[in-house]
Amino acid sequence: MSPDPDPQNLWQAQPVEPVGLSLDEIRRRANRFHRRIVWRNLREYLAAVIVVAILIPHLWRDRGWLLAASASMIAGVLYVVVQIYRRGARALPAGAAAQSWVDFHCSELARQRDALRTVWNWYLLPLLPGLLMVPIGMYMAGRTVSPILLYLGILTVVFGGVWRLNAWAADKLDKQIHDMKEANHE
């Protein structure tokens, strides 16, 4: 059988090589991602300073469970800050080749994805003991059950929302990693 003489059919039947990303595009994406992580972490640090500043006076005022709650929340916040710092953005390589940039950017995307997927362990769980001591303190102080249940309901919704948003963001990073590797023939 002779080959199809139609040039359009020949052209469309050719194998297509995927187009990789240029070094400039990879650098641009990596730099933009790095800035996002740095700014996210700065917001988290600022929130931690505000929370600790609000809770410190409680260490002198509160007694019993409420004192334990304040101390536990401060300890939890400080633990979270250390974890955010550990999981933060790493410095970008200055004069790296294209493949090094691809590898670096994919590894940073994977580090952040893994941090987001484990947010329950290092972000939410350390705050939970202090936050759960608050309703105990409220109950010991004679509060009715209604505000305690409301508090626990809000806490559940907020924690569930934070966990779900982080899982969604981790899925997006997973897709970026897949797309980056596919675009660069890995």
C-alpha atoms as a PDB file:
ATOM      1  CA  MET A   1       0.000   0.000   0.000  1.00  0.00           C
ATOM      2  CA  SER A   2       1.400   3.369  -1.000  1.00  0.00           C
ATOM      3  CA  PRO A   3       1.580   6.316   1.443  1.00  0.00           C
ATOM      4  CA  ASP A   4      -1.285   8.813   1.431  1.00  0.00           C
ATOM      5  CA  PRO A   5      -0.311  11.572  -1.026  1.00  0.00           C
ATOM      6  CA  ASP A   6      -2.512  14.186   0.698  1.00  0.00           C
ATOM      7  CA  PRO A   7      -0.137  16.636   2.457  1.00  0.00           C
ATOM      8  CA  GLN A   8      -2.729  17.536   5.094  1.00  0.00           C
ATOM      9  CA  ASN A   9      -3.158  13.898   6.127  1.00  0.00           C
ATOM     10  CA  LEU A  10       0.627  13.427   6.219  1.00  0.00           C
ATOM     11  CA  TRP A  11       1.032  16.576   8.341  1.00  0.00           C
ATOM     12  CA  GLN A  12      -1.726  15.598  10.783  1.00  0.00           C
ATOM     13  CA  ALA A  13      -0.403  12.033  11.117  1.00  0.00           C
ATOM     14  CA  GLN A  14       3.060  13.171  12.238  1.00  0.00           C
ATOM     15  CA  PRO A  15       3.997  12.443  15.846  1.00  0.00           C
ATOM     16  CA  VAL A  16       3.834  15.588  17.924  1.00  0.00           C
ATOM     17  CA  GLU A  17       6.602  16.424  20.371  1.00  0.00           C
ATOM     18  CA  PRO A  18       5.315  18.164  23.490  1.00  0.00           C
ATOM     19  CA  VAL A  19       6.673  21.651  23.891  1.00  0.00           C
ATOM     20  CA  GLY A  20       8.645  22.164  27.086  1.00  0.00           C
ATOM     21  CA  LEU A  21       8.593  25.340  29.099  1.00  0.00           C
ATOM     22  CA  SER A  22      11.346  27.856  28.492  1.00  0.00           C
ATOM     23  CA  LEU A  23      13.899  28.571  31.208  1.00  0.00           C
ATOM     24  CA  ASP A  24      12.476  32.084  31.590  1.00  0.00           C
ATOM     25  CA  GLU A  25       8.953  30.718  32.050  1.00  0.00           C
ATOM     26  CA  ILE A  26      10.140  28.204  34.646  1.00  0.00           C
ATOM     27  CA  ARG A  27      12.042  30.932  36.517  1.00  0.00           C
ATOM     28  CA  ARG A  28       9.038  33.231  36.372  1.00  0.00           C
ATOM     29  CA  ARG A  29       6.734  30.547  37.776  1.00  0.00           C
ATOM     30  CA  ALA A  30       9.238  29.566  40.470  1.00  0.00           C
ATOM     31  CA  ASN A  31       9.788  33.196  41.513  1.00  0.00           C
ATOM     32  CA  ARG A  32       6.052  33.896  41.613  1.00  0.00           C
ATOM     33  CA  PHE A  33       5.447  30.758  43.685  1.00  0.00           C
ATOM     34  CA  HIS A  34       8.304  31.685  46.041  1.00  0.00           C
ATOM     35  CA  ARG A  35       6.841  35.170  46.594  1.00  0.00           C
ATOM     36  CA  ARG A  36       3.388  33.689  47.297  1.00  0.00           C
ATOM     37  CA  ILE A  37       4.820  31.377  49.941  1.00  0.00           C
ATOM     38  CA  VAL A  38       6.862  34.173  51.544  1.00  0.00           C
ATOM     39  CA  TRP A  39       3.818  36.479  51.725  1.00  0.00           C
ATOM     40  CA  ARG A  40       1.592  33.677  53.029  1.00  0.00           C
ATOM     41  CA  ASN A  41       4.093  32.942  55.771  1.00  0.00           C
ATOM     42  CA  LEU A  42       4.419  36.627  56.674  1.00  0.00           C
ATOM     43  CA  ARG A  43       0.618  36.802  57.078  1.00  0.00           C
ATOM     44  CA  GLU A  44       0.734  33.733  59.308  1.00  0.00           C
ATOM     45  CA  TYR A  45       3.528  35.263  61.416  1.00  0.00           C
ATOM     46  CA  LEU A  46       1.555  38.496  61.808  1.00  0.00           C
ATOM     47  CA  ALA A  47      -1.553  36.548  62.841  1.00  0.00           C
ATOM     48  CA  ALA A  48       0.553  34.620  65.375  1.00  0.00           C
ATOM     49  CA  VAL A  49       1.901  37.858  66.883  1.00  0.00           C
ATOM     50  CA  ILE A  50      -1.644  39.213  67.211  1.00  0.00           C
ATOM     51  CA  VAL A  51      -2.957  35.995  68.816  1.00  0.00           C
ATOM     52  CA  VAL A  52      -0.060  35.818  71.294  1.00  0.00           C
ATOM     53  CA  ALA A  53      -0.435  39.527  72.119  1.00  0.00           C
ATOM     54  CA  ILE A  54      -4.129  38.972  72.866  1.00  0.00           C
ATOM     55  CA  LEU A  55      -3.457  35.867  74.966  1.00  0.00           C
ATOM     56  CA  ILE A  56      -0.514  37.092  77.077  1.00  0.00           C
ATOM     57  CA  PRO A  57      -2.664  39.266  79.396  1.00  0.00           C
ATOM     58  CA  HIS A  58      -4.813  36.200  80.074  1.00  0.00           C
ATOM     59  CA  LEU A  59      -1.802  34.505  81.664  1.00  0.00           C
ATOM     60  CA  TRP A  60      -2.050  37.017  84.536  1.00  0.00           C
ATOM     61  CA  ARG A  61      -5.849  37.331  84.654  1.00  0.00           C
ATOM     62  CA  ASP A  62      -7.218  33.843  84.152  1.00  0.00           C
ATOM     63  CA  ARG A  63      -7.261  30.938  86.562  1.00  0.00           C
ATOM     64  CA  GLY A  64      -7.867  27.221  86.221  1.00  0.00           C
ATOM     65  CA  TRP A  65      -8.887  25.881  82.832  1.00  0.00           C
ATOM     66  CA  LEU A  66      -8.885  29.300  81.164  1.00  0.00           C
ATOM     67  CA  LEU A  67      -5.275  29.899  82.260  1.00  0.00           C
ATOM     68  CA  ALA A  68      -4.339  26.452  80.926  1.00  0.00           C
ATOM     69  CA  ALA A  69      -6.195  27.228  77.689  1.00  0.00           C
ATOM     70  CA  SER A  70      -4.290  30.496  77.157  1.00  0.00           C
ATOM     71  CA  ALA A  71      -0.914  28.906  77.920  1.00  0.00           C
ATOM     72  CA  SER A  72      -1.693  25.935  75.685  1.00  0.00           C
ATOM     73  CA  MET A  73      -2.824  28.163  72.811  1.00  0.00           C
ATOM     74  CA  ILE A  74       0.343  30.261  73.046  1.00  0.00           C
ATOM     75  CA  ALA A  75       2.455  27.088  72.987  1.00  0.00           C
ATOM     76  CA  GLY A  76       0.441  25.788  70.022  1.00  0.00           C
ATOM     77  CA  VAL A  77       0.835  29.048  68.102  1.00  0.00           C
ATOM     78  CA  LEU A  78       4.598  29.075  68.708  1.00  0.00           C
ATOM     79  CA  TYR A  79       4.845  25.470  67.526  1.00  0.00           C
ATOM     80  CA  VAL A  80       2.885  26.350  64.380  1.00  0.00           C
ATOM     81  CA  VAL A  81       5.177  29.331  63.685  1.00  0.00           C
ATOM     82  CA  VAL A  82       8.237  27.079  63.882  1.00  0.00           C
ATOM     83  CA  GLN A  83       6.572  24.592  61.526  1.00  0.00           C
ATOM     84  CA  ILE A  84       5.651  27.339  59.049  1.00  0.00           C
ATOM     85  CA  TYR A  85       9.252  28.523  59.087  1.00  0.00           C
ATOM     86  CA  ARG A  86      10.531  24.959  58.524  1.00  0.00           C
ATOM     87  CA  ARG A  87       8.103  24.411  55.667  1.00  0.00           C
ATOM     88  CA  GLY A  88       8.626  27.851  54.143  1.00  0.00           C
ATOM     89  CA  ALA A  89      10.029  28.789  50.780  1.00  0.00           C
ATOM     90  CA  ARG A  90      13.650  27.931  50.088  1.00  0.00           C
ATOM     91  CA  ALA A  91      16.058  30.217  48.257  1.00  0.00           C
ATOM     92  CA  LEU A  92      16.015  29.914  44.512  1.00  0.00           C
ATOM     93  CA  PRO A  93      19.201  28.756  42.742  1.00  0.00           C
ATOM     94  CA  ALA A  94      20.927  31.699  41.071  1.00  0.00           C
ATOM     95  CA  GLY A  95      22.698  30.362  37.998  1.00  0.00           C
ATOM     96  CA  ALA A  96      21.123  26.968  37.555  1.00  0.00           C
ATOM     97  CA  ALA A  97      20.495  25.254  34.243  1.00  0.00           C
ATOM     98  CA  ALA A  98      16.987  24.704  32.922  1.00  0.00           C
ATOM     99  CA  GLN A  99      16.630  21.144  34.259  1.00  0.00           C
ATOM    100  CA  SER A 100      17.862  22.227  37.690  1.00  0.00           C
ATOM    101  CA  TRP A 101      15.184  24.920  37.745  1.00  0.00           C
ATOM    102  CA  VAL A 102      12.518  22.397  36.750  1.00  0.00           C
ATOM    103  CA  ASP A 103      13.697  19.981  39.453  1.00  0.00           C
ATOM    104  CA  PHE A 104      13.900  22.766  42.043  1.00  0.00           C
ATOM    105  CA  HIS A 105      10.470  24.173  41.231  1.00  0.00           C
ATOM    106  CA  CYS A 106       8.863  20.708  41.240  1.00  0.00           C
ATOM    107  CA  SER A 107      10.490  19.911  44.581  1.00  0.00           C
ATOM    108  CA  GLU A 108       9.204  23.196  46.048  1.00  0.00           C
ATOM    109  CA  LEU A 109       5.718  22.517  44.738  1.00  0.00           C
ATOM    110  CA  ALA A 110       5.908  19.028  46.280  1.00  0.00           C
ATOM    111  CA  ARG A 111       7.168  20.397  49.635  1.00  0.00           C
ATOM    112  CA  GLN A 112       4.263  22.827  49.836  1.00  0.00           C
ATOM    113  CA  ARG A 113       1.779  20.186  48.674  1.00  0.00           C
ATOM    114  CA  ASP A 114       2.989  17.830  51.391  1.00  0.00           C
ATOM    115  CA  ALA A 115       2.779  20.614  53.989  1.00  0.00           C
ATOM    116  CA  LEU A 116      -0.795  21.364  52.929  1.00  0.00           C
ATOM    117  CA  ARG A 117      -1.782  17.701  53.008  1.00  0.00           C
ATOM    118  CA  THR A 118      -0.466  17.302  56.557  1.00  0.00           C
ATOM    119  CA  VAL A 119      -1.878  20.603  57.862  1.00  0.00           C
ATOM    120  CA  TRP A 120      -3.996  18.693  60.361  1.00  0.00           C
ATOM    121  CA  ASN A 121      -0.884  17.357  62.130  1.00  0.00           C
ATOM    122  CA  TRP A 122       1.308  20.446  62.368  1.00  0.00           C
ATOM    123  CA  TYR A 123      -1.141  23.355  62.128  1.00  0.00           C
ATOM    124  CA  LEU A 124      -4.543  22.420  63.508  1.00  0.00           C
ATOM    125  CA  LEU A 125      -3.744  19.726  66.069  1.00  0.00           C
ATOM    126  CA  PRO A 126      -1.304  21.847  68.147  1.00  0.00           C
ATOM    127  CA  LEU A 127      -4.010  24.501  68.591  1.00  0.00           C
ATOM    128  CA  LEU A 128      -6.738  22.044  69.525  1.00  0.00           C
ATOM    129  CA  PRO A 129      -5.894  21.391  73.214  1.00  0.00           C
ATOM    130  CA  GLY A 130      -6.044  25.074  74.138  1.00  0.00           C
ATOM    131  CA  LEU A 131      -9.144  25.660  72.059  1.00  0.00           C
ATOM    132  CA  LEU A 132     -10.895  22.709  73.689  1.00  0.00           C
ATOM    133  CA  MET A 133      -9.940  23.910  77.172  1.00  0.00           C
ATOM    134  CA  VAL A 134     -11.944  27.098  76.587  1.00  0.00           C
ATOM    135  CA  PRO A 135     -15.374  25.392  76.703  1.00  0.00           C
ATOM    136  CA  ILE A 136     -14.253  23.438  79.769  1.00  0.00           C
ATOM    137  CA  GLY A 137     -13.331  26.741  81.411  1.00  0.00           C
ATOM    138  CA  MET A 138     -16.633  28.237  80.306  1.00  0.00           C
ATOM    139  CA  TYR A 139     -18.510  25.319  81.838  1.00  0.00           C
ATOM    140  CA  MET A 140     -16.494  25.535  85.083  1.00  0.00           C
ATOM    141  CA  ALA A 141     -17.279  29.261  85.227  1.00  0.00           C
ATOM    142  CA  GLY A 142     -20.987  28.443  85.176  1.00  0.00           C
ATOM    143  CA  ARG A 143     -21.853  29.245  81.550  1.00  0.00           C
ATOM    144  CA  THR A 144     -24.913  27.597  80.094  1.00  0.00           C
ATOM    145  CA  VAL A 145     -24.493  24.874  77.526  1.00  0.00           C
ATOM    146  CA  SER A 146     -25.789  26.925  74.546  1.00  0.00           C
ATOM    147  CA  PRO A 147     -22.734  29.204  74.106  1.00  0.00           C
ATOM    148  CA  ILE A 148     -20.440  26.245  74.668  1.00  0.00           C
ATOM    149  CA  LEU A 149     -22.161  24.246  71.925  1.00  0.00           C
ATOM    150  CA  LEU A 150     -22.089  27.287  69.637  1.00  0.00           C
ATOM    151  CA  TYR A 151     -18.348  27.687  70.288  1.00  0.00           C
ATOM    152  CA  LEU A 152     -17.705  24.003  69.549  1.00  0.00           C
ATOM    153  CA  GLY A 153     -19.827  24.188  66.384  1.00  0.00           C
ATOM    154  CA  ILE A 154     -17.935  27.222  65.096  1.00  0.00           C
ATOM    155  CA  LEU A 155     -14.624  25.574  65.966  1.00  0.00           C
ATOM    156  CA  THR A 156     -15.625  22.444  64.043  1.00  0.00           C
ATOM    157  CA  VAL A 157     -16.688  24.433  60.972  1.00  0.00           C
ATOM    158  CA  VAL A 158     -13.516  26.560  60.989  1.00  0.00           C
ATOM    159  CA  PHE A 159     -11.185  23.584  61.441  1.00  0.00           C
ATOM    160  CA  GLY A 160     -13.046  21.601  58.780  1.00  0.00           C
ATOM    161  CA  GLY A 161     -12.889  24.565  56.414  1.00  0.00           C
ATOM    162  CA  VAL A 162      -9.167  25.108  56.970  1.00  0.00           C
ATOM    163  CA  TRP A 163      -8.490  21.416  56.432  1.00  0.00           C
ATOM    164  CA  ARG A 164     -10.625  21.291  53.269  1.00  0.00           C
ATOM    165  CA  LEU A 165      -9.107  24.471  51.766  1.00  0.00           C
ATOM    166  CA  ASN A 166      -5.622  23.107  52.325  1.00  0.00           C
ATOM    167  CA  ALA A 167      -6.556  19.766  50.748  1.00  0.00           C
ATOM    168  CA  TRP A 168      -7.951  21.637  47.726  1.00  0.00           C
ATOM    169  CA  ALA A 169      -4.759  23.716  47.432  1.00  0.00           C
ATOM    170  CA  ALA A 170      -2.655  20.521  47.694  1.00  0.00           C
ATOM    171  CA  ASP A 171      -4.633  19.009  44.810  1.00  0.00           C
ATOM    172  CA  LYS A 172      -3.949  22.117  42.710  1.00  0.00           C
ATOM    173  CA  LEU A 173      -0.223  21.859  43.455  1.00  0.00           C
ATOM    174  CA  ASP A 174      -0.305  18.183  42.505  1.00  0.00           C
ATOM    175  CA  LYS A 175      -1.741  19.138  39.124  1.00  0.00           C
ATOM    176  CA  GLN A 176       0.947  21.804  38.661  1.00  0.00           C
ATOM    177  CA  ILE A 177       3.666  19.253  39.416  1.00  0.00           C
ATOM    178  CA  HIS A 178       2.153  16.811  36.917  1.00  0.00           C
ATOM    179  CA  ASP A 179       1.827  19.511  34.241  1.00  0.00           C
ATOM    180  CA  MET A 180       5.379  20.761  34.834  1.00  0.00           C
ATOM    181  CA  LYS A 181       6.865  17.263  34.528  1.00  0.00           C
ATOM    182  CA  GLU A 182       4.775  16.477  31.479  1.00  0.00           C
ATOM    183  CA  ALA A 183       5.758  19.744  29.780  1.00  0.00           C
ATOM    184  CA  ASN A 184       9.419  18.975  30.385  1.00  0.00           C
ATOM    185  CA  HIS A 185       9.359  15.307  29.276  1.00  0.00           C
ATOM    186  CA  GLU A 186       9.879  13.659  32.657  1.00  0.00           C
END
